[in-house]
């Protein structure tokens, strides 16, 4: 919802500075009954990086399994493309022979 609000502001051409965004974000969080972090938090940088890398590792496994490169997709589509080109060649020949 907050990103929708930000997009709406941009579409209207409203100029906003970082202090404006900070205030609006705080208001948005308060409206949604969420806590506002007022300090650096309690998680160290190293712990945060370790957690992020672990979660990314889970995502990467799923991504790698389902990934199809452009080349692989071309190879998979090649028979269909070849048939389409052959049909196009036949059509072009028929048109030239008229």
Protein backbone atom coordinates (compact mmCIF):
# COMPACT_ATOMS: atom_id res chain seq x y z
CA UNK A 1 0.00 0.00 0.00
CA UNK A 2 2.83 2.38 0.84
CA UNK A 3 4.46 1.82 -2.56
CA UNK A 4 1.10 2.51 -4.20
CA UNK A 5 1.00 5.79 -2.32
CA UNK A 6 4.57 6.61 -3.40
CA UNK A 7 3.73 5.81 -7.02
CA UNK A 8 0.64 8.01 -6.82
CA UNK A 9 2.73 10.91 -5.51
CA UNK A 10 5.22 10.44 -8.35
CA UNK A 11 2.46 10.27 -10.97
CA UNK A 12 1.04 13.55 -9.65
CA UNK A 13 4.50 15.10 -9.88
CA UNK A 14 4.59 15.94 -6.16
CA UNK A 15 8.13 16.77 -5.09
CA UNK A 16 8.99 15.05 -1.82
CA UNK A 17 12.26 15.00 0.09
CA UNK A 18 13.63 12.25 2.32
CA UNK A 19 12.32 13.97 5.47
CA UNK A 20 8.85 14.00 3.85
CA UNK A 21 9.05 10.30 3.01
CA UNK A 22 10.26 9.52 6.53
CA UNK A 23 7.32 11.38 8.07
CA UNK A 24 4.81 9.78 5.69
CA UNK A 25 6.22 6.31 6.34
CA UNK A 26 5.96 6.84 10.10
CA UNK A 27 2.34 7.98 9.68
CA UNK A 28 1.61 4.95 7.47
CA UNK A 29 3.08 2.57 10.05
CA UNK A 30 1.16 4.22 12.89
CA UNK A 31 -2.09 4.02 10.91
CA UNK A 32 -1.47 0.28 10.38
CA UNK A 33 -0.69 -0.14 14.09
CA UNK A 34 2.92 -1.15 13.48
CA UNK A 35 5.89 -0.29 15.67
CA UNK A 36 8.28 2.37 14.43
CA UNK A 37 11.96 1.56 14.78
CA UNK A 38 13.64 4.60 16.29
CA UNK A 39 17.18 3.22 16.66
CA UNK A 40 19.57 0.85 14.93
CA UNK A 41 17.79 -2.23 16.19
CA UNK A 42 19.29 -5.24 17.95
CA UNK A 43 20.45 -7.44 15.06
CA UNK A 44 24.10 -7.03 14.10
CA UNK A 45 25.16 -6.55 10.51
CA UNK A 46 26.85 -9.95 10.48
CA UNK A 47 23.72 -11.73 11.73
CA UNK A 48 21.52 -9.88 9.24
CA UNK A 49 23.86 -10.84 6.37
CA UNK A 50 23.90 -14.49 7.51
CA UNK A 51 20.09 -14.61 7.64
CA UNK A 52 19.79 -12.94 4.24
CA UNK A 53 22.28 -15.34 2.66
CA UNK A 54 20.47 -18.35 4.14
CA UNK A 55 17.10 -17.16 2.81
CA UNK A 56 18.62 -16.30 -0.57
CA UNK A 57 20.09 -19.80 -0.71
CA UNK A 58 16.57 -21.24 -0.37
CA UNK A 59 15.33 -18.98 -3.15
CA UNK A 60 18.33 -19.74 -5.38
CA UNK A 61 17.68 -23.50 -5.26
CA UNK A 62 14.08 -23.00 -6.43
CA UNK A 63 15.20 -20.51 -9.08
CA UNK A 64 17.96 -22.76 -10.44
CA UNK A 65 15.57 -25.70 -10.77
CA UNK A 66 13.05 -23.70 -12.81
CA UNK A 67 15.52 -21.54 -14.79
CA UNK A 68 15.47 -21.89 -18.57
CA UNK A 69 18.12 -19.86 -20.38
CA UNK A 70 17.32 -17.97 -23.58
CA UNK A 71 19.37 -20.53 -25.51
CA UNK A 72 17.52 -23.47 -23.92
CA UNK A 73 14.19 -21.80 -24.71
CA UNK A 74 15.29 -21.27 -28.31
CA UNK A 75 16.25 -24.95 -28.61
CA UNK A 76 12.89 -25.97 -27.16
CA UNK A 77 11.07 -23.64 -29.56
CA UNK A 78 13.23 -24.49 -32.59
CA UNK A 79 10.92 -27.14 -34.13
CA UNK A 80 7.98 -24.76 -33.92
CA UNK A 81 10.04 -21.89 -35.33
CA UNK A 82 11.39 -24.09 -38.12
CA UNK A 83 7.85 -25.16 -39.09
CA UNK A 84 6.67 -21.56 -39.03
CA UNK A 85 9.56 -20.47 -41.26
CA UNK A 86 8.88 -23.34 -43.68
CA UNK A 87 5.21 -22.33 -43.85
CA UNK A 88 6.26 -18.73 -44.47
CA UNK A 89 8.63 -19.82 -47.25
CA UNK A 90 5.84 -21.82 -48.91
CA UNK A 91 3.48 -18.86 -48.67
CA UNK A 92 6.09 -16.52 -50.16
CA UNK A 93 6.71 -18.91 -53.05
CA UNK A 94 2.98 -19.19 -53.73
CA UNK A 95 2.65 -15.40 -53.76
CA UNK A 96 5.61 -15.01 -56.14
CA UNK A 97 4.20 -17.62 -58.52
CA UNK A 98 0.86 -15.84 -58.89
